[in-house]
Amino acid sequence: MEGRSLSGTIGIVDYGLGNLFSVLGAVEKLGRSGVVTSEREVLSKAEKLIIPGVGAFGAGINNLHKLGLVDTLTDLVMVQKKPVLGMCLGAQLMMSTSEEAPGTNGLGWLVGKVEKIQPQNAEIRTPHVGWNEVHEGNPGTLLRGIPDRTLFYFVHSYFMNPEEDRAITGYFNYGTRMCALIEYNHIFAAQFHPEKSQQCGLQLLENFLDYKF
């Protein structure tokens, strides 16, 4: 990164899990500069952070610890108030705990638990894979300009369940109502994959990139 200005750059956190370059491609498609990195100095200079992710909660947290990123990211987000968007596993890692990894703490930026989808009937299968409607919840930033009940792309067996209902700005139904989007001040979490959700996914991502804290 020597010689390159990082002003206005979006830092995409590389912790070894996730479709990082699909996220980078979406950021660049919107005309923004992004960088995929695990370097603390680079992340500290980025305007905003994105934490993508595909995989298991325990592996994700372990990788962040091995890279020495837990304290760095927590300082950037919770102390310096750098806006952050978590996607799928990246969103779940921001919660307190997960049923997928009992006894393992998440980043704890959002108070609540990641819970396993419990099928209510034979039509509800896990993992939940495919397109599903996202309904508007409490007022927020991410769904601005996006019609209610727009389809987004999901791939997961667990879902976020925050303690504060007011933080839920979008939800989906899969046998029962579950949280799809969380917004808490400058912290944003999407259970689905905006980068795989075509034009409306790009709109949601642009809403985050335009957000001013």
Foldseek 3Di string as FASTA:
>chain_A
DPPDQQVQEEEEECLPFADRVLVQVLCVVVVGHYDYDNDLVSNLRHQAYEYEGDDALVSSVVSCVVSVNLVSVCCCCVVVNRFYEYEASRQQLCEQEEPRDPPDGGSHVFYFYKYFDDDPDPVQDPPPFAWFFKAFDADDQLCVPPDHRQIFTAHGGIATDGPDSNQAGIWTDRPHIGGAWGDDPRYIYGNTQLSPGPPSSSSSVVSNSPDDD
